[in-house]
Amino acid sequence: GRFVPGQRLVEADLTAELGVSRSLLREAFRRLSAEGVIEIVPNRGALV
């Protein structure tokens, strides 16, 4: 429940918190999108 349905996942916040590259985070987003956990909206970002 830290990230709730409809919430935007902010890349800058997560890369800083996790200490990972933006490309690695975006790959994680793509994998979770393929599993139906998040949605990637063109020009808007990733949302739960």
ModelCIF file with pLDDT and N, C-alpha, C, O atoms, coordinates in Angstrom:
data_MODEL
#
_entry.id   MODEL 
#
_entity.id                         1 
_entity.type                       polymer 
_entity.pdbx_number_of_molecules   1 
#
_entity_poly.entity_id                      1 
_entity_poly.type                           'polypeptide(L)' 
_entity_poly.nstd_linkage                   no 
_entity_poly.nstd_monomer                   no 
_entity_poly.pdbx_seq_one_letter_code       GRFVPGQRLVEADLTAELGVSRSLLREAFRRLSAEGVIEIVPNRGALV 
_entity_poly.pdbx_seq_one_letter_code_can   GRFVPGQRLVEADLTAELGVSRSLLREAFRRLSAEGVIEIVPNRGALV 
_entity_poly.pdbx_strand_id                 A 
#
loop_
_entity_poly_seq.entity_id 
_entity_poly_seq.num 
_entity_poly_seq.mon_id 
_entity_poly_seq.hetero 
1 1  GLY n 
1 2  ARG n 
1 3  PHE n 
1 4  VAL n 
1 5  PRO n 
1 6  GLY n 
1 7  GLN n 
1 8  ARG n 
1 9  LEU n 
1 10 VAL n 
1 11 GLU n 
1 12 ALA n 
1 13 ASP n 
1 14 LEU n 
1 15 THR n 
1 16 ALA n 
1 17 GLU n 
1 18 LEU n 
1 19 GLY n 
1 20 VAL n 
1 21 SER n 
1 22 ARG n 
1 23 SER n 
1 24 LEU n 
1 25 LEU n 
1 26 ARG n 
1 27 GLU n 
1 28 ALA n 
1 29 PHE n 
1 30 ARG n 
1 31 ARG n 
1 32 LEU n 
1 33 SER n 
1 34 ALA n 
1 35 GLU n 
1 36 GLY n 
1 37 VAL n 
1 38 ILE n 
1 39 GLU n 
1 40 ILE n 
1 41 VAL n 
1 42 PRO n 
1 43 ASN n 
1 44 ARG n 
1 45 GLY n 
1 46 ALA n 
1 47 LEU n 
1 48 VAL n 
#
_struct_asym.id          A 
_struct_asym.entity_id   1 
#
loop_
_ma_qa_metric.id 
_ma_qa_metric.mode 
_ma_qa_metric.name 
_ma_qa_metric.software_group_id 
_ma_qa_metric.type 
1 global pLDDT . pLDDT 
2 local  pLDDT . pLDDT 
#
_ma_qa_metric_global.metric_id      1 
_ma_qa_metric_global.metric_value   87.67 
_ma_qa_metric_global.model_id       1 
_ma_qa_metric_global.ordinal_id     1 
#
loop_
_ma_qa_metric_local.label_asym_id 
_ma_qa_metric_local.label_comp_id 
_ma_qa_metric_local.label_seq_id 
_ma_qa_metric_local.metric_id 
_ma_qa_metric_local.metric_value 
_ma_qa_metric_local.model_id 
_ma_qa_metric_local.ordinal_id 
A GLY 1  2 73.00 1 1  
A ARG 2  2 82.00 1 2  
A PHE 3  2 85.00 1 3  
A VAL 4  2 81.00 1 4  
A PRO 5  2 82.00 1 5  
A GLY 6  2 83.00 1 6  
A GLN 7  2 86.00 1 7  
A ARG 8  2 90.00 1 8  
A LEU 9  2 92.00 1 9  
A VAL 10 2 92.00 1 10 
A GLU 11 2 91.00 1 11 
A ALA 12 2 92.00 1 12 
A ASP 13 2 92.00 1 13 
A LEU 14 2 92.00 1 14 
A THR 15 2 91.00 1 15 
A ALA 16 2 91.00 1 16 
A GLU 17 2 89.00 1 17 
A LEU 18 2 89.00 1 18 
A GLY 19 2 89.00 1 19 
A VAL 20 2 90.00 1 20 
A SER 21 2 91.00 1 21 
A ARG 22 2 92.00 1 22 
A SER 23 2 91.00 1 23 
A LEU 24 2 92.00 1 24 
A LEU 25 2 92.00 1 25 
A ARG 26 2 91.00 1 26 
A GLU 27 2 92.00 1 27 
A ALA 28 2 92.00 1 28 
A PHE 29 2 92.00 1 29 
A ARG 30 2 91.00 1 30 
A ARG 31 2 89.00 1 31 
A LEU 32 2 89.00 1 32 
A SER 33 2 87.00 1 33 
A ALA 34 2 84.00 1 34 
A GLU 35 2 80.00 1 35 
A GLY 36 2 81.00 1 36 
A VAL 37 2 85.00 1 37 
A ILE 38 2 88.00 1 38 
A GLU 39 2 88.00 1 39 
A ILE 40 2 89.00 1 40 
A VAL 41 2 85.00 1 41 
A PRO 42 2 83.00 1 42 
A ASN 43 2 77.00 1 43 
A ARG 44 2 78.00 1 44 
A GLY 45 2 88.00 1 45 
A ALA 46 2 91.00 1 46 
A LEU 47 2 90.00 1 47 
A VAL 48 2 88.00 1 48 
#
loop_
_atom_site.group_PDB 
_atom_site.id 
_atom_site.type_symbol 
_atom_site.label_atom_id 
_atom_site.label_alt_id 
_atom_site.label_comp_id 
_atom_site.label_asym_id 
_atom_site.label_entity_id 
_atom_site.label_seq_id 
_atom_site.pdbx_PDB_ins_code 
_atom_site.Cartn_x 
_atom_site.Cartn_y 
_atom_site.Cartn_z 
_atom_site.occupancy 
_atom_site.B_iso_or_equiv 
_atom_site.pdbx_formal_charge 
_atom_site.auth_seq_id 
_atom_site.auth_comp_id 
_atom_site.auth_asym_id 
_atom_site.auth_atom_id 
_atom_site.pdbx_PDB_model_num 
ATOM 1   N N  . GLY A 1 1  ? 0.780  -1.220 0.000   1.00 73.00 ? 1  GLY A N  1 
ATOM 2   C CA . GLY A 1 1  ? 0.000  0.000  0.000   1.00 73.00 ? 1  GLY A CA 1 
ATOM 3   C C  . GLY A 1 1  ? 0.812  1.271  0.000   1.00 73.00 ? 1  GLY A C  1 
ATOM 4   O O  . GLY A 1 1  ? 0.256  2.362  0.132   1.00 73.00 ? 1  GLY A O  1 
ATOM 5   N N  . ARG A 1 2  ? 2.121  1.153  -0.145  1.00 82.00 ? 2  ARG A N  1 
ATOM 6   C CA . ARG A 1 2  ? 2.927  2.363  -0.232  1.00 82.00 ? 2  ARG A CA 1 
ATOM 7   C C  . ARG A 1 2  ? 2.634  3.099  -1.537  1.00 82.00 ? 2  ARG A C  1 
ATOM 8   O O  . ARG A 1 2  ? 2.519  4.325  -1.555  1.00 82.00 ? 2  ARG A O  1 
ATOM 9   N N  . PHE A 1 3  ? 2.514  2.338  -2.633  1.00 85.00 ? 3  PHE A N  1 
ATOM 10  C CA . PHE A 1 3  ? 2.089  2.895  -3.907  1.00 85.00 ? 3  PHE A CA 1 
ATOM 11  C C  . PHE A 1 3  ? 0.697  2.345  -4.178  1.00 85.00 ? 3  PHE A C  1 
ATOM 12  O O  . PHE A 1 3  ? 0.514  1.128  -4.213  1.00 85.00 ? 3  PHE A O  1 
ATOM 13  N N  . VAL A 1 4  ? -0.271 3.201  -4.368  1.00 81.00 ? 4  VAL A N  1 
ATOM 14  C CA . VAL A 1 4  ? -1.662 2.769  -4.483  1.00 81.00 ? 4  VAL A CA 1 
ATOM 15  C C  . VAL A 1 4  ? -2.130 2.817  -5.927  1.00 81.00 ? 4  VAL A C  1 
ATOM 16  O O  . VAL A 1 4  ? -1.547 3.537  -6.737  1.00 81.00 ? 4  VAL A O  1 
ATOM 17  N N  . PRO A 1 5  ? -3.191 2.048  -6.273  1.00 82.00 ? 5  PRO A N  1 
ATOM 18  C CA . PRO A 1 5  ? -3.711 2.061  -7.634  1.00 82.00 ? 5  PRO A CA 1 
ATOM 19  C C  . PRO A 1 5  ? -4.012 3.472  -8.112  1.00 82.00 ? 5  PRO A C  1 
ATOM 20  O O  . PRO A 1 5  ? -4.683 4.246  -7.429  1.00 82.00 ? 5  PRO A O  1 
ATOM 21  N N  . GLY A 1 6  ? -3.503 3.791  -9.299  1.00 83.00 ? 6  GLY A N  1 
ATOM 22  C CA . GLY A 1 6  ? -3.682 5.107  -9.875  1.00 83.00 ? 6  GLY A CA 1 
ATOM 23  C C  . GLY A 1 6  ? -2.546 6.068  -9.579  1.00 83.00 ? 6  GLY A C  1 
ATOM 24  O O  . GLY A 1 6  ? -2.480 7.151  -10.159 1.00 83.00 ? 6  GLY A O  1 
ATOM 25  N N  . GLN A 1 7  ? -1.647 5.677  -8.675  1.00 86.00 ? 7  GLN A N  1 
ATOM 26  C CA . GLN A 1 7  ? -0.553 6.582  -8.308  1.00 86.00 ? 7  GLN A CA 1 
ATOM 27  C C  . GLN A 1 7  ? 0.557  6.562  -9.352  1.00 86.00 ? 7  GLN A C  1 
ATOM 28  O O  . GLN A 1 7  ? 0.900  5.510  -9.892  1.00 86.00 ? 7  GLN A O  1 
ATOM 29  N N  . ARG A 1 8  ? 1.108  7.730  -9.623  1.00 90.00 ? 8  ARG A N  1 
ATOM 30  C CA . ARG A 1 8  ? 2.231  7.839  -10.541 1.00 90.00 ? 8  ARG A CA 1 
ATOM 31  C C  . ARG A 1 8  ? 3.518  7.454  -9.836  1.00 90.00 ? 8  ARG A C  1 
ATOM 32  O O  . ARG A 1 8  ? 3.747  7.841  -8.689  1.00 90.00 ? 8  ARG A O  1 
ATOM 33  N N  . LEU A 1 9  ? 4.356  6.693  -10.519 1.00 92.00 ? 9  LEU A N  1 
ATOM 34  C CA . LEU A 1 9  ? 5.662  6.309  -9.999  1.00 92.00 ? 9  LEU A CA 1 
ATOM 35  C C  . LEU A 1 9  ? 6.695  7.264  -10.579 1.00 92.00 ? 9  LEU A C  1 
ATOM 36  O O  . LEU A 1 9  ? 6.986  7.221  -11.774 1.00 92.00 ? 9  LEU A O  1 
ATOM 37  N N  . VAL A 1 10 ? 7.240  8.112  -9.744  1.00 92.00 ? 10 VAL A N  1 
ATOM 38  C CA . VAL A 1 10 ? 8.123  9.184  -10.211 1.00 92.00 ? 10 VAL A CA 1 
ATOM 39  C C  . VAL A 1 10 ? 9.556  8.665  -10.340 1.00 92.00 ? 10 VAL A C  1 
ATOM 40  O O  . VAL A 1 10 ? 10.169 8.254  -9.355  1.00 92.00 ? 10 VAL A O  1 
ATOM 41  N N  . GLU A 1 11 ? 10.074 8.690  -11.556 1.00 91.00 ? 11 GLU A N  1 
ATOM 42  C CA . GLU A 1 11 ? 11.395 8.128  -11.820 1.00 91.00 ? 11 GLU A CA 1 
ATOM 43  C C  . GLU A 1 11 ? 12.488 8.788  -10.979 1.00 91.00 ? 11 GLU A C  1 
ATOM 44  O O  . GLU A 1 11 ? 13.338 8.098  -10.417 1.00 91.00 ? 11 GLU A O  1 
ATOM 45  N N  . ALA A 1 12 ? 12.469 10.109 -10.893 1.00 92.00 ? 12 ALA A N  1 
ATOM 46  C CA . ALA A 1 12 ? 13.534 10.811 -10.173 1.00 92.00 ? 12 ALA A CA 1 
ATOM 47  C C  . ALA A 1 12 ? 13.573 10.400 -8.713  1.00 92.00 ? 12 ALA A C  1 
ATOM 48  O O  . ALA A 1 12 ? 14.652 10.209 -8.152  1.00 92.00 ? 12 ALA A O  1 
ATOM 49  N N  . ASP A 1 13 ? 12.405 10.261 -8.087  1.00 92.00 ? 13 ASP A N  1 
ATOM 50  C CA . ASP A 1 13 ? 12.342 9.861  -6.675  1.00 92.00 ? 13 ASP A CA 1 
ATOM 51  C C  . ASP A 1 13 ? 12.876 8.442  -6.487  1.00 92.00 ? 13 ASP A C  1 
ATOM 52  O O  . ASP A 1 13 ? 13.640 8.172  -5.560  1.00 92.00 ? 13 ASP A O  1 
ATOM 53  N N  . LEU A 1 14 ? 12.461 7.540  -7.382  1.00 92.00 ? 14 LEU A N  1 
ATOM 54  C CA . LEU A 1 14 ? 12.825 6.133  -7.210  1.00 92.00 ? 14 LEU A CA 1 
ATOM 55  C C  . LEU A 1 14 ? 14.294 5.869  -7.535  1.00 92.00 ? 14 LEU A C  1 
ATOM 56  O O  . LEU A 1 14 ? 14.936 5.068  -6.856  1.00 92.00 ? 14 LEU A O  1 
ATOM 57  N N  . THR A 1 15 ? 14.835 6.525  -8.556  1.00 91.00 ? 15 THR A N  1 
ATOM 58  C CA . THR A 1 15 ? 16.249 6.316  -8.855  1.00 91.00 ? 15 THR A CA 1 
ATOM 59  C C  . THR A 1 15 ? 17.124 6.832  -7.709  1.00 91.00 ? 15 THR A C  1 
ATOM 60  O O  . THR A 1 15 ? 18.157 6.241  -7.396  1.00 91.00 ? 15 THR A O  1 
ATOM 61  N N  . ALA A 1 16 ? 16.702 7.939  -7.086  1.00 91.00 ? 16 ALA A N  1 
ATOM 62  C CA . ALA A 1 16 ? 17.466 8.484  -5.963  1.00 91.00 ? 16 ALA A CA 1 
ATOM 63  C C  . ALA A 1 16 ? 17.371 7.577  -4.742  1.00 91.00 ? 16 ALA A C  1 
ATOM 64  O O  . ALA A 1 16 ? 18.365 7.352  -4.052  1.00 91.00 ? 16 ALA A O  1 
ATOM 65  N N  . GLU A 1 17 ? 16.185 7.063  -4.480  1.00 89.00 ? 17 GLU A N  1 
ATOM 66  C CA . GLU A 1 17 ? 15.986 6.210  -3.303  1.00 89.00 ? 17 GLU A CA 1 
ATOM 67  C C  . GLU A 1 17 ? 16.697 4.868  -3.443  1.00 89.00 ? 17 GLU A C  1 
ATOM 68  O O  . GLU A 1 17 ? 17.306 4.375  -2.493  1.00 89.00 ? 17 GLU A O  1 
ATOM 69  N N  . LEU A 1 18 ? 16.613 4.284  -4.636  1.00 89.00 ? 18 LEU A N  1 
ATOM 70  C CA . LEU A 1 18 ? 17.151 2.944  -4.828  1.00 89.00 ? 18 LEU A CA 1 
ATOM 71  C C  . LEU A 1 18 ? 18.605 2.937  -5.271  1.00 89.00 ? 18 LEU A C  1 
ATOM 72  O O  . LEU A 1 18 ? 19.274 1.906  -5.207  1.00 89.00 ? 18 LEU A O  1 
ATOM 73  N N  . GLY A 1 19 ? 19.088 4.074  -5.716  1.00 89.00 ? 19 GLY A N  1 
ATOM 74  C CA . GLY A 1 19 ? 20.469 4.131  -6.168  1.00 89.00 ? 19 GLY A CA 1 
ATOM 75  C C  . GLY A 1 19 ? 20.699 3.332  -7.433  1.00 89.00 ? 19 GLY A C  1 
ATOM 76  O O  . GLY A 1 19 ? 21.730 2.677  -7.589  1.00 89.00 ? 19 GLY A O  1 
ATOM 77  N N  . VAL A 1 20 ? 19.716 3.391  -8.352  1.00 90.00 ? 20 VAL A N  1 
ATOM 78  C CA . VAL A 1 20 ? 19.837 2.664  -9.618  1.00 90.00 ? 20 VAL A CA 1 
ATOM 79  C C  . VAL A 1 20 ? 19.707 3.646  -10.771 1.00 90.00 ? 20 VAL A C  1 
ATOM 80  O O  . VAL A 1 20 ? 19.262 4.779  -10.589 1.00 90.00 ? 20 VAL A O  1 
ATOM 81  N N  . SER A 1 21 ? 20.095 3.203  -11.948 1.00 91.00 ? 21 SER A N  1 
ATOM 82  C CA . SER A 1 21 ? 20.015 4.058  -13.125 1.00 91.00 ? 21 SER A CA 1 
ATOM 83  C C  . SER A 1 21 ? 18.577 4.161  -13.612 1.00 91.00 ? 21 SER A C  1 
ATOM 84  O O  . SER A 1 21 ? 17.735 3.319  -13.301 1.00 91.00 ? 21 SER A O  1 
ATOM 85  N N  . ARG A 1 22 ? 18.317 5.207  -14.380 1.00 92.00 ? 22 ARG A N  1 
ATOM 86  C CA . ARG A 1 22 ? 16.988 5.380  -14.944 1.00 92.00 ? 22 ARG A CA 1 
ATOM 87  C C  . ARG A 1 22 ? 16.667 4.256  -15.926 1.00 92.00 ? 22 ARG A C  1 
ATOM 88  O O  . ARG A 1 22 ? 15.517 3.824  -16.015 1.00 92.00 ? 22 ARG A O  1 
ATOM 89  N N  . SER A 1 23 ? 17.660 3.783  -16.657 1.00 91.00 ? 23 SER A N  1 
ATOM 90  C CA . SER A 1 23 ? 17.421 2.704  -17.621 1.00 91.00 ? 23 SER A CA 1 
ATOM 91  C C  . SER A 1 23 ? 17.028 1.414  -16.905 1.00 91.00 ? 23 SER A C  1 
ATOM 92  O O  . SER A 1 23 ? 16.161 0.682  -17.383 1.00 91.00 ? 23 SER A O  1 
ATOM 93  N N  . LEU A 1 24 ? 17.659 1.129  -15.761 1.00 92.00 ? 24 LEU A N  1 
ATOM 94  C CA . LEU A 1 24 ? 17.309 -0.070 -14.996 1.00 92.00 ? 24 LEU A CA 1 
ATOM 95  C C  . LEU A 1 24 ? 15.895 0.049  -14.431 1.00 92.00 ? 24 LEU A C  1 
ATOM 96  O O  . LEU A 1 24 ? 15.139 -0.923 -14.434 1.00 92.00 ? 24 LEU A O  1 
ATOM 97  N N  . LEU A 1 25 ? 15.540 1.235  -13.948 1.00 92.00 ? 25 LEU A N  1 
ATOM 98  C CA . LEU A 1 25 ? 14.194 1.446  -13.419 1.00 92.00 ? 25 LEU A CA 1 
ATOM 99  C C  . LEU A 1 25 ? 13.157 1.298  -14.525 1.00 92.00 ? 25 LEU A C  1 
ATOM 100 O O  . LEU A 1 25 ? 12.109 0.687  -14.315 1.00 92.00 ? 25 LEU A O  1 
ATOM 101 N N  . ARG A 1 26 ? 13.440 1.848  -15.693 1.00 91.00 ? 26 ARG A N  1 
ATOM 102 C CA . ARG A 1 26 ? 12.494 1.752  -16.797 1.00 91.00 ? 26 ARG A CA 1 
ATOM 103 C C  . ARG A 1 26 ? 12.315 0.306  -17.262 1.00 91.00 ? 26 ARG A C  1 
ATOM 104 O O  . ARG A 1 26 ? 11.224 -0.083 -17.681 1.00 91.00 ? 26 ARG A O  1 
ATOM 105 N N  . GLU A 1 27 ? 13.379 -0.485 -17.189 1.00 92.00 ? 27 GLU A N  1 
ATOM 106 C CA . GLU A 1 27 ? 13.264 -1.905 -17.514 1.00 92.00 ? 27 GLU A CA 1 
ATOM 107 C C  . GLU A 1 27 ? 12.347 -2.603 -16.514 1.00 92.00 ? 27 GLU A C  1 
ATOM 108 O O  . GLU A 1 27 ? 11.549 -3.460 -16.894 1.00 92.00 ? 27 GLU A O  1 
ATOM 109 N N  . ALA A 1 28 ? 12.460 -2.235 -15.225 1.00 92.00 ? 28 ALA A N  1 
ATOM 110 C CA . ALA A 1 28 ? 11.562 -2.791 -14.206 1.00 92.00 ? 28 ALA A CA 1 
ATOM 111 C C  . ALA A 1 28 ? 10.121 -2.385 -14.493 1.00 92.00 ? 28 ALA A C  1 
ATOM 112 O O  . ALA A 1 28 ? 9.206  -3.195 -14.347 1.00 92.00 ? 28 ALA A O  1 
ATOM 113 N N  . PHE A 1 29 ? 9.918  -1.141 -14.898 1.00 92.00 ? 29 PHE A N  1 
ATOM 114 C CA . PHE A 1 29 ? 8.581  -0.682 -15.274 1.00 92.00 ? 29 PHE A CA 1 
ATOM 115 C C  . PHE A 1 29 ? 8.019  -1.521 -16.421 1.00 92.00 ? 29 PHE A C  1 
ATOM 116 O O  . PHE A 1 29 ? 6.854  -1.918 -16.395 1.00 92.00 ? 29 PHE A O  1 
ATOM 117 N N  . ARG A 1 30 ? 8.852  -1.787 -17.427 1.00 91.00 ? 30 ARG A N  1 
ATOM 118 C CA . ARG A 1 30 ? 8.387  -2.563 -18.576 1.00 91.00 ? 30 ARG A CA 1 
ATOM 119 C C  . ARG A 1 30 ? 7.992  -3.973 -18.157 1.00 91.00 ? 30 ARG A C  1 
ATOM 120 O O  . ARG A 1 30 ? 6.992  -4.509 -18.634 1.00 91.00 ? 30 ARG A O  1 
ATOM 121 N N  . ARG A 1 31 ? 8.768  -4.565 -17.275 1.00 89.00 ? 31 ARG A N  1 
ATOM 122 C CA . ARG A 1 31 ? 8.447  -5.925 -16.818 1.00 89.00 ? 31 ARG A CA 1 
ATOM 123 C C  . ARG A 1 31 ? 7.140  -5.947 -16.028 1.00 89.00 ? 31 ARG A C  1 
ATOM 124 O O  . ARG A 1 31 ? 6.316  -6.844 -16.208 1.00 89.00 ? 31 ARG A O  1 
ATOM 125 N N  . LEU A 1 32 ? 6.955  -4.969 -15.164 1.00 89.00 ? 32 LEU A N  1 
ATOM 126 C CA . LEU A 1 32 ? 5.721  -4.911 -14.374 1.00 89.00 ? 32 LEU A CA 1 
ATOM 127 C C  . LEU A 1 32 ? 4.521  -4.561 -15.243 1.00 89.00 ? 32 LEU A C  1 
ATOM 128 O O  . LEU A 1 32 ? 3.399  -4.981 -14.959 1.00 89.00 ? 32 LEU A O  1 
ATOM 129 N N  . SER A 1 33 ? 4.759  -3.796 -16.296 1.00 87.00 ? 33 SER A N  1 
ATOM 130 C CA . SER A 1 33 ? 3.681  -3.502 -17.233 1.00 87.00 ? 33 SER A CA 1 
ATOM 131 C C  . SER A 1 33 ? 3.253  -4.759 -17.962 1.00 87.00 ? 33 SER A C  1 
ATOM 132 O O  . SER A 1 33 ? 2.059  -4.985 -18.164 1.00 87.00 ? 33 SER A O  1 
ATOM 133 N N  . ALA A 1 34 ? 4.223  -5.589 -18.362 1.00 84.00 ? 34 ALA A N  1 
ATOM 134 C CA . ALA A 1 34 ? 3.914  -6.843 -19.048 1.00 84.00 ? 34 ALA A CA 1 
ATOM 135 C C  . ALA A 1 34 ? 3.135  -7.791 -18.146 1.00 84.00 ? 34 ALA A C  1 
ATOM 136 O O  . ALA A 1 34 ? 2.357  -8.612 -18.632 1.00 84.00 ? 34 ALA A O  1 
ATOM 137 N N  . GLU A 1 35 ? 3.339  -7.681 -16.836 1.00 80.00 ? 35 GLU A N  1 
ATOM 138 C CA . GLU A 1 35 ? 2.635  -8.528 -15.869 1.00 80.00 ? 35 GLU A CA 1 
ATOM 139 C C  . GLU A 1 35 ? 1.300  -7.926 -15.453 1.00 80.00 ? 35 GLU A C  1 
ATOM 140 O O  . GLU A 1 35 ? 0.570  -8.531 -14.668 1.00 80.00 ? 35 GLU A O  1 
ATOM 141 N N  . GLY A 1 36 ? 0.968  -6.736 -15.971 1.00 81.00 ? 36 GLY A N  1 
ATOM 142 C CA . GLY A 1 36 ? -0.318 -6.116 -15.651 1.00 81.00 ? 36 GLY A CA 1 
ATOM 143 C C  . GLY A 1 36 ? -0.364 -5.410 -14.320 1.00 81.00 ? 36 GLY A C  1 
ATOM 144 O O  . GLY A 1 36 ? -1.450 -5.146 -13.804 1.00 81.00 ? 36 GLY A O  1 
ATOM 145 N N  . VAL A 1 37 ? 0.798  -5.091 -13.739 1.00 85.00 ? 37 VAL A N  1 
ATOM 146 C CA . VAL A 1 37 ? 0.837  -4.453 -12.427 1.00 85.00 ? 37 VAL A CA 1 
ATOM 147 C C  . VAL A 1 37 ? 0.822  -2.931 -12.552 1.00 85.00 ? 37 VAL A C  1 
ATOM 148 O O  . VAL A 1 37 ? 0.191  -2.246 -11.748 1.00 85.00 ? 37 VAL A O  1 
ATOM 149 N N  . ILE A 1 38 ? 1.509  -2.410 -13.549 1.00 88.00 ? 38 ILE A N  1 
ATOM 150 C CA . ILE A 1 38 ? 1.509  -0.971 -13.787 1.00 88.00 ? 38 ILE A CA 1 
ATOM 151 C C  . ILE A 1 38 ? 1.129  -0.697 -15.226 1.00 88.00 ? 38 ILE A C  1 
ATOM 152 O O  . ILE A 1 38 ? 1.117  -1.601 -16.062 1.00 88.00 ? 38 ILE A O  1 
ATOM 153 N N  . GLU A 1 39 ? 0.819  0.554  -15.507 1.00 88.00 ? 39 GLU A N  1 
ATOM 154 C CA . GLU A 1 39 ? 0.530  0.986  -16.867 1.00 88.00 ? 39 GLU A CA 1 
ATOM 155 C C  . GLU A 1 39 ? 1.508  2.084  -17.239 1.00 88.00 ? 39 GLU A C  1 
ATOM 156 O O  . GLU A 1 39 ? 1.772  2.986  -16.445 1.00 88.00 ? 39 GLU A O  1 
ATOM 157 N N  . ILE A 1 40 ? 2.042  2.007  -18.444 1.00 89.00 ? 40 ILE A N  1 
ATOM 158 C CA . ILE A 1 40 ? 2.933  3.048  -18.935 1.00 89.00 ? 40 ILE A CA 1 
ATOM 159 C C  . ILE A 1 40 ? 2.168  3.876  -19.957 1.00 89.00 ? 40 ILE A C  1 
ATOM 160 O O  . ILE A 1 40 ? 1.799  3.389  -21.026 1.00 89.00 ? 40 ILE A O  1 
ATOM 161 N N  . VAL A 1 41 ? 1.937  5.133  -19.609 1.00 85.00 ? 41 VAL A N  1 
ATOM 162 C CA . VAL A 1 41 ? 1.160  6.032  -20.458 1.00 85.00 ? 41 VAL A CA 1 
ATOM 163 C C  . VAL A 1 41 ? 2.134  6.893  -21.256 1.00 85.00 ? 41 VAL A C  1 
ATOM 164 O O  . VAL A 1 41 ? 2.919  7.627  -20.655 1.00 85.00 ? 41 VAL A O  1 
ATOM 165 N N  . PRO A 1 42 ? 2.113  6.831  -22.582 1.00 83.00 ? 42 PRO A N  1 
ATOM 166 C CA . PRO A 1 42 ? 3.053  7.606  -23.405 1.00 83.00 ? 42 PRO A CA 1 
ATOM 167 C C  . PRO A 1 42 ? 3.063  9.081  -23.022 1.00 83.00 ? 42 PRO A C  1 
ATOM 168 O O  . PRO A 1 42 ? 2.016  9.712  -22.876 1.00 83.00 ? 42 PRO A O  1 
ATOM 169 N N  . ASN A 1 43 ? 4.261  9.607  -22.865 1.00 77.00 ? 43 ASN A N  1 
ATOM 170 C CA . ASN A 1 43 ? 4.486  11.020 -22.535 1.00 77.00 ? 43 ASN A CA 1 
ATOM 171 C C  . ASN A 1 43 ? 3.950  11.424 -21.163 1.00 77.00 ? 43 ASN A C  1 
ATOM 172 O O  . ASN A 1 43 ? 3.892  12.611 -20.842 1.00 77.00 ? 43 ASN A O  1 
ATOM 173 N N  . ARG A 1 44 ? 3.560  10.441 -20.357 1.00 78.00 ? 44 ARG A N  1 
ATOM 174 C CA . ARG A 1 44 ? 3.028  10.761 -19.036 1.00 78.00 ? 44 ARG A CA 1 
ATOM 175 C C  . ARG A 1 44 ? 3.752  10.002 -17.920 1.00 78.00 ? 44 ARG A C  1 
ATOM 176 O O  . ARG A 1 44 ? 3.977  10.548 -16.839 1.00 78.00 ? 44 ARG A O  1 
ATOM 177 N N  . GLY A 1 45 ? 4.110  8.757  -18.182 1.00 88.00 ? 45 GLY A N  1 
ATOM 178 C CA . GLY A 1 45 ? 4.851  8.022  -17.180 1.00 88.00 ? 45 GLY A CA 1 
ATOM 179 C C  . GLY A 1 45 ? 4.201  6.710  -16.771 1.00 88.00 ? 45 GLY A C  1 
ATOM 180 O O  . GLY A 1 45 ? 3.286  6.218  -17.431 1.00 88.00 ? 45 GLY A O  1 
ATOM 181 N N  . ALA A 1 46 ? 4.695  6.152  -15.663 1.00 91.00 ? 46 ALA A N  1 
ATOM 182 C CA . ALA A 1 46 ? 4.218  4.866  -15.161 1.00 91.00 ? 46 ALA A CA 1 
ATOM 183 C C  . ALA A 1 46 ? 3.282  5.083  -13.978 1.00 91.00 ? 46 ALA A C  1 
ATOM 184 O O  . ALA A 1 46 ? 3.564  5.881  -13.084 1.00 91.00 ? 46 ALA A O  1 
ATOM 185 N N  . LEU A 1 47 ? 2.165  4.361  -13.987 1.00 90.00 ? 47 LEU A N  1 
ATOM 186 C CA . LEU A 1 47 ? 1.197  4.440  -12.907 1.00 90.00 ? 47 LEU A CA 1 
ATOM 187 C C  . LEU A 1 47 ? 0.826  3.039  -12.454 1.00 90.00 ? 47 LEU A C  1 
ATOM 188 O O  . LEU A 1 47 ? 0.780  2.107  -13.257 1.00 90.00 ? 47 LEU A O  1 
ATOM 189 N N  . VAL A 1 48 ? 0.563  2.897  -11.165 1.00 88.00 ? 48 VAL A N  1 
ATOM 190 C CA . VAL A 1 48 ? 0.078  1.620  -10.650 1.00 88.00 ? 48 VAL A CA 1 
ATOM 191 C C  . VAL A 1 48 ? -1.288 1.359  -11.274 1.00 88.00 ? 48 VAL A C  1 
ATOM 192 O O  . VAL A 1 48 ? -1.909 0.334  -10.993 1.00 88.00 ? 48 VAL A O  1 
#
